[in-house]
């Protein structure tokens, strides 16, 4: 599906509980409740909140991996009911997301092969995105030969090669060391600027949220977690964590975590 400019994802009164899901031990209360949000096409949008507040639940509904309990989530005006190639997902644990028996190129081309794209075209497409994510000269390596940051690049290249218009990223850099995490943050911004993709990025790290996002949606604690505040982030890229503007926004957001609003 081609998504025109304007609203890309629209969420109306979205709630999720696990009352009838006996495979999951939950209290029966809503994990998320009455979430309303619009994400524009081409936007870098951050979902920020404390651990366990339902951020991943929200992403999984957008990705089509789990069903909602109430409300609606639409993509380009069409309700999301299942996973789709228009949404690529990048998980925190790359080891469980990429195939250890396939090379870098094999992983990137996997979705293309499933779509029936011929070998020569697959190679052209995979080469483009392998280069874009900085994995040139690593095409023939297996995941066991890659660092954590490189594995995340494989995930990104695979989603991009499938022409996903939206990248859904669930704390993708959370398991990386600080230096690698910063490198990946810089690279992700470059990829976003070059491709114009819509990115929905979950984190519990305020600094990461400000470094990356154009808008930052803040979630309250679960149960009954909701989005209660959205910050516009007009700081220009590259963002300097010591600049007065960065520090001011950090303190504003940190205040929600320190002093109330059920966060």
Protein backbone atom coordinates (compact mmCIF):
# COMPACT_ATOMS: atom_id res chain seq x y z
CA UNK A 1 0.00 0.00 0.00
CA UNK A 2 1.32 3.43 -0.90
CA UNK A 3 0.77 5.95 1.87
CA UNK A 4 0.22 9.54 0.77
CA UNK A 5 1.51 12.56 2.64
CA UNK A 6 -0.45 13.54 5.72
CA UNK A 7 -1.65 11.20 8.44
CA UNK A 8 -0.06 7.75 8.21
CA UNK A 9 -1.12 6.03 11.45
CA UNK A 10 -4.30 7.06 13.24
CA UNK A 11 -5.14 5.61 16.65
CA UNK A 12 -8.55 6.24 18.19
CA UNK A 13 -9.55 5.28 21.75
CA UNK A 14 -7.28 2.24 21.66
CA UNK A 15 -7.38 -0.15 24.63
CA UNK A 16 -5.94 -3.59 25.27
CA UNK A 17 -6.59 -6.01 28.10
CA UNK A 18 -5.87 -9.71 28.50
CA UNK A 19 -9.00 -10.70 30.42
CA UNK A 20 -9.86 -13.46 27.96
CA UNK A 21 -6.30 -14.51 27.19
CA UNK A 22 -5.65 -17.37 29.62
CA UNK A 23 -2.15 -17.95 28.24
CA UNK A 24 -1.01 -14.65 29.75
CA UNK A 25 -1.10 -13.98 33.47
CA UNK A 26 -2.51 -10.46 33.69
CA UNK A 27 -4.74 -8.75 36.21
CA UNK A 28 -7.61 -8.34 33.77
CA UNK A 29 -7.17 -4.57 33.77
CA UNK A 30 -6.25 -2.63 30.68
CA UNK A 31 -2.57 -2.61 29.84
CA UNK A 32 -3.24 0.43 27.65
CA UNK A 33 -6.43 2.46 27.65
CA UNK A 34 -8.00 5.16 25.47
CA UNK A 35 -4.89 5.98 23.46
CA UNK A 36 -5.37 8.62 20.77
CA UNK A 37 -2.53 9.48 18.43
CA UNK A 38 -1.86 10.55 14.85
CA UNK A 39 1.54 9.92 13.26
CA UNK A 40 2.31 11.72 10.02
CA UNK A 41 3.86 10.14 6.96
CA UNK A 42 7.64 10.53 7.07
CA UNK A 43 7.67 11.44 10.76
CA UNK A 44 10.21 10.21 13.31
CA UNK A 45 7.92 9.58 16.27
CA UNK A 46 9.05 8.48 19.72
CA UNK A 47 6.96 6.53 22.22
CA UNK A 48 8.58 7.24 25.60
CA UNK A 49 7.65 5.73 28.94
CA UNK A 50 8.82 3.67 31.90
CA UNK A 51 9.49 -0.05 31.60
CA UNK A 52 6.34 -2.16 31.63
CA UNK A 53 3.97 0.67 30.70
CA UNK A 54 2.62 -0.96 27.54
CA UNK A 55 4.86 0.62 24.91
CA UNK A 56 5.59 -2.74 23.30
CA UNK A 57 1.91 -3.69 23.46
CA UNK A 58 1.09 -0.54 21.50
CA UNK A 59 3.78 -1.31 18.91
CA UNK A 60 2.61 -4.91 18.56
CA UNK A 61 -0.91 -3.73 17.79
CA UNK A 62 0.41 -1.29 15.18
CA UNK A 63 2.54 -4.08 13.71
CA UNK A 64 -0.51 -6.35 13.57
CA UNK A 65 0.99 -9.01 15.84
CA UNK A 66 -1.74 -8.80 18.48
CA UNK A 67 -5.35 -7.67 18.39
CA UNK A 68 -6.83 -4.68 20.14
CA UNK A 69 -9.63 -4.90 22.71
CA UNK A 70 -11.32 -1.60 21.87
CA UNK A 71 -10.82 1.33 19.52
CA UNK A 72 -9.18 1.42 16.11
CA UNK A 73 -5.76 1.66 14.47
CA UNK A 74 -5.67 2.61 10.80
CA UNK A 75 -2.85 2.83 8.31
CA UNK A 76 -3.57 5.07 5.34
CA UNK A 77 -7.24 4.91 6.29
CA UNK A 78 -7.36 1.09 6.39
CA UNK A 79 -7.76 -0.71 9.70
CA UNK A 80 -4.78 -2.80 10.80
CA UNK A 81 -5.78 -6.40 11.48
CA UNK A 82 -2.62 -8.35 10.69
CA UNK A 83 1.09 -7.89 9.85
CA UNK A 84 1.91 -6.39 6.48
CA UNK A 85 4.91 -5.69 4.29
CA UNK A 86 4.23 -1.97 4.64
CA UNK A 87 5.47 -2.29 8.25
CA UNK A 88 8.96 -3.48 9.05
CA UNK A 89 9.77 -4.34 12.67
CA UNK A 90 13.18 -4.04 14.32
CA UNK A 91 13.39 -5.76 17.71
CA UNK A 92 15.77 -5.23 20.62
CA UNK A 93 16.98 -8.82 20.46
CA UNK A 94 18.41 -9.16 16.96
CA UNK A 95 19.50 -12.74 17.65
CA UNK A 96 15.88 -13.88 17.66
CA UNK A 97 14.95 -11.77 14.64
CA UNK A 98 17.54 -12.76 12.05
CA UNK A 99 18.33 -16.21 10.71
CA UNK A 100 21.65 -17.60 12.01
CA UNK A 101 21.99 -19.99 9.05
CA UNK A 102 21.82 -17.16 6.49
CA UNK A 103 24.50 -14.64 5.62
CA UNK A 104 23.96 -10.89 5.88
CA UNK A 105 22.87 -10.85 2.24
CA UNK A 106 20.70 -13.92 2.72
CA UNK A 107 18.89 -12.29 5.63
CA UNK A 108 18.37 -9.03 3.76
CA UNK A 109 17.10 -10.85 0.68
CA UNK A 110 14.84 -13.27 2.55
CA UNK A 111 11.64 -11.26 2.18
CA UNK A 112 12.44 -10.46 -1.44
CA UNK A 113 12.86 -14.15 -2.19
CA UNK A 114 9.51 -14.92 -0.55
CA UNK A 115 7.93 -12.31 -2.83
CA UNK A 116 9.30 -14.15 -5.87
CA UNK A 117 11.77 -11.49 -6.94
CA UNK A 118 14.45 -12.88 -9.23
CA UNK A 119 18.03 -13.34 -8.11
CA UNK A 120 19.59 -10.46 -10.07
CA UNK A 121 17.02 -7.94 -8.86
CA UNK A 122 17.29 -9.24 -5.29
CA UNK A 123 21.02 -8.68 -5.38
CA UNK A 124 20.63 -5.13 -6.67
CA UNK A 125 18.10 -4.26 -3.98
CA UNK A 126 20.00 -5.92 -1.14
CA UNK A 127 23.27 -4.27 -2.19
CA UNK A 128 21.60 -0.85 -2.05
CA UNK A 129 20.40 -1.28 1.51
CA UNK A 130 23.44 -3.16 2.76
CA UNK A 131 25.44 -0.12 1.65
CA UNK A 132 22.92 2.28 3.18
CA UNK A 133 23.22 0.70 6.65
CA UNK A 134 27.01 0.48 6.46
CA UNK A 135 27.48 -3.27 6.00
CA UNK A 136 29.45 -3.24 2.77
CA UNK A 137 32.17 -5.92 2.75
CA UNK A 138 30.22 -7.92 5.34
CA UNK A 139 27.68 -9.45 2.93
CA UNK A 140 28.98 -13.00 3.26
CA UNK A 141 29.29 -13.05 7.04
CA UNK A 142 26.93 -15.01 9.27
CA UNK A 143 25.21 -13.49 12.33
CA UNK A 144 27.61 -15.30 14.65
CA UNK A 145 30.42 -13.24 13.13
CA UNK A 146 28.67 -9.90 13.70
CA UNK A 147 28.60 -7.45 16.60
CA UNK A 148 25.32 -6.42 18.21
CA UNK A 149 25.23 -3.17 16.28
CA UNK A 150 25.86 -4.95 12.99
CA UNK A 151 22.99 -7.36 13.67
CA UNK A 152 20.67 -4.42 14.18
CA UNK A 153 21.84 -3.01 10.86
CA UNK A 154 20.86 -6.32 9.24
CA UNK A 155 17.35 -5.96 10.68
CA UNK A 156 17.07 -2.42 9.34
CA UNK A 157 18.38 -3.37 5.90
CA UNK A 158 15.91 -6.25 5.67
CA UNK A 159 12.95 -4.02 6.53
CA UNK A 160 14.07 -1.34 4.09
CA UNK A 161 14.70 -3.83 1.28
CA UNK A 162 11.11 -5.04 1.59
CA UNK A 163 10.05 -1.46 0.85
CA UNK A 164 8.34 -1.11 4.21
CA UNK A 165 7.02 2.42 4.44
CA UNK A 166 7.04 2.30 8.22
CA UNK A 167 9.83 1.13 10.52
CA UNK A 168 8.54 0.01 13.91
CA UNK A 169 11.46 -0.12 16.34
CA UNK A 170 11.11 -1.59 19.82
CA UNK A 171 14.07 -0.36 21.90
CA UNK A 172 16.44 -1.58 19.16
CA UNK A 173 19.59 -0.18 20.77
CA UNK A 174 18.77 -1.05 24.38
CA UNK A 175 21.17 -4.00 24.55
CA UNK A 176 24.12 -2.17 22.97
CA UNK A 177 27.00 -0.50 24.78
CA UNK A 178 26.87 3.30 25.04
CA UNK A 179 29.38 3.97 22.25
CA UNK A 180 27.73 1.61 19.76
CA UNK A 181 24.30 2.92 20.72
CA UNK A 182 25.31 6.50 19.88
CA UNK A 183 26.77 5.42 16.54
CA UNK A 184 23.55 3.58 15.69
CA UNK A 185 21.44 6.59 16.68
CA UNK A 186 23.43 8.80 14.32
CA UNK A 187 23.18 6.25 11.51
CA UNK A 188 19.45 5.79 12.01
CA UNK A 189 18.83 9.53 11.64
CA UNK A 190 20.85 9.53 8.41
CA UNK A 191 18.86 6.57 7.06
CA UNK A 192 15.58 8.25 7.98
CA UNK A 193 16.62 11.51 6.33
CA UNK A 194 17.70 9.71 3.17
CA UNK A 195 14.70 7.39 2.81
CA UNK A 196 11.86 9.52 4.17
CA UNK A 197 10.38 6.50 5.96
CA UNK A 198 7.98 6.84 8.86
CA UNK A 199 9.69 5.64 12.04
CA UNK A 200 7.90 4.72 15.26
CA UNK A 201 10.55 4.20 17.93
CA UNK A 202 10.01 2.99 21.50
CA UNK A 203 12.42 3.85 24.30
CA UNK A 204 12.49 4.49 28.05
CA UNK A 205 15.58 6.70 27.65
CA UNK A 206 14.82 10.45 27.66
CA UNK A 207 18.15 11.39 26.08
CA UNK A 208 17.64 8.93 23.23
CA UNK A 209 14.12 10.23 22.68
CA UNK A 210 15.33 13.82 22.32
CA UNK A 211 18.30 12.86 20.15
CA UNK A 212 16.09 11.06 17.63
CA UNK A 213 12.49 12.20 17.57
CA UNK A 214 10.56 14.98 15.89
CA UNK A 215 7.69 14.37 18.30
CA UNK A 216 7.78 12.55 21.62
CA UNK A 217 4.66 10.88 23.02
CA UNK A 218 4.86 10.21 26.75
CA UNK A 219 3.04 7.21 28.20
CA UNK A 220 1.87 6.85 31.77
CA UNK A 221 2.34 3.77 33.92
CA UNK A 222 0.34 0.59 33.38
CA UNK A 223 -2.35 -0.49 34.10
CA UNK A 224 -4.55 1.85 32.09
CA UNK A 225 -1.51 3.41 30.44
CA UNK A 226 -2.23 6.14 27.95
CA UNK A 227 -0.48 8.90 26.03
CA UNK A 228 -1.07 12.06 28.02
CA UNK A 229 1.55 14.47 26.66
CA UNK A 230 3.20 15.00 23.27
CA UNK A 231 6.25 17.21 22.86
CA UNK A 232 7.29 18.78 19.57
CA UNK A 233 11.06 18.56 19.23
CA UNK A 234 12.26 21.31 16.91
CA UNK A 235 15.97 20.95 17.69
CA UNK A 236 18.05 20.65 14.53
CA UNK A 237 20.08 17.50 13.81
CA UNK A 238 22.95 16.82 14.96
CA UNK A 239 21.65 17.40 18.46
CA UNK A 240 24.01 18.34 21.25
CA UNK A 241 23.11 16.90 24.65
CA UNK A 242 24.87 19.81 26.39
CA UNK A 243 23.09 22.60 24.51
CA UNK A 244 20.74 24.80 26.58
CA UNK A 245 17.80 23.85 24.36
CA UNK A 246 18.45 20.12 24.78
CA UNK A 247 18.86 20.43 28.55
CA UNK A 248 15.66 22.49 28.82
CA UNK A 249 13.59 19.89 26.95
CA UNK A 250 15.21 17.08 28.95
CA UNK A 251 14.21 18.72 32.23
CA UNK A 252 10.66 19.30 31.02
CA UNK A 253 10.23 15.64 30.11
CA UNK A 254 12.07 14.38 33.19
CA UNK A 255 9.59 16.29 35.33
CA UNK A 256 6.85 13.92 34.24
CA UNK A 257 8.90 10.95 35.42
CA UNK A 258 9.89 12.56 38.71
CA UNK A 259 6.82 14.41 39.87
CA UNK A 260 3.61 12.84 38.82
CA UNK A 261 1.02 12.27 36.12
CA UNK A 262 1.08 8.59 37.07
CA UNK A 263 4.41 7.97 35.38
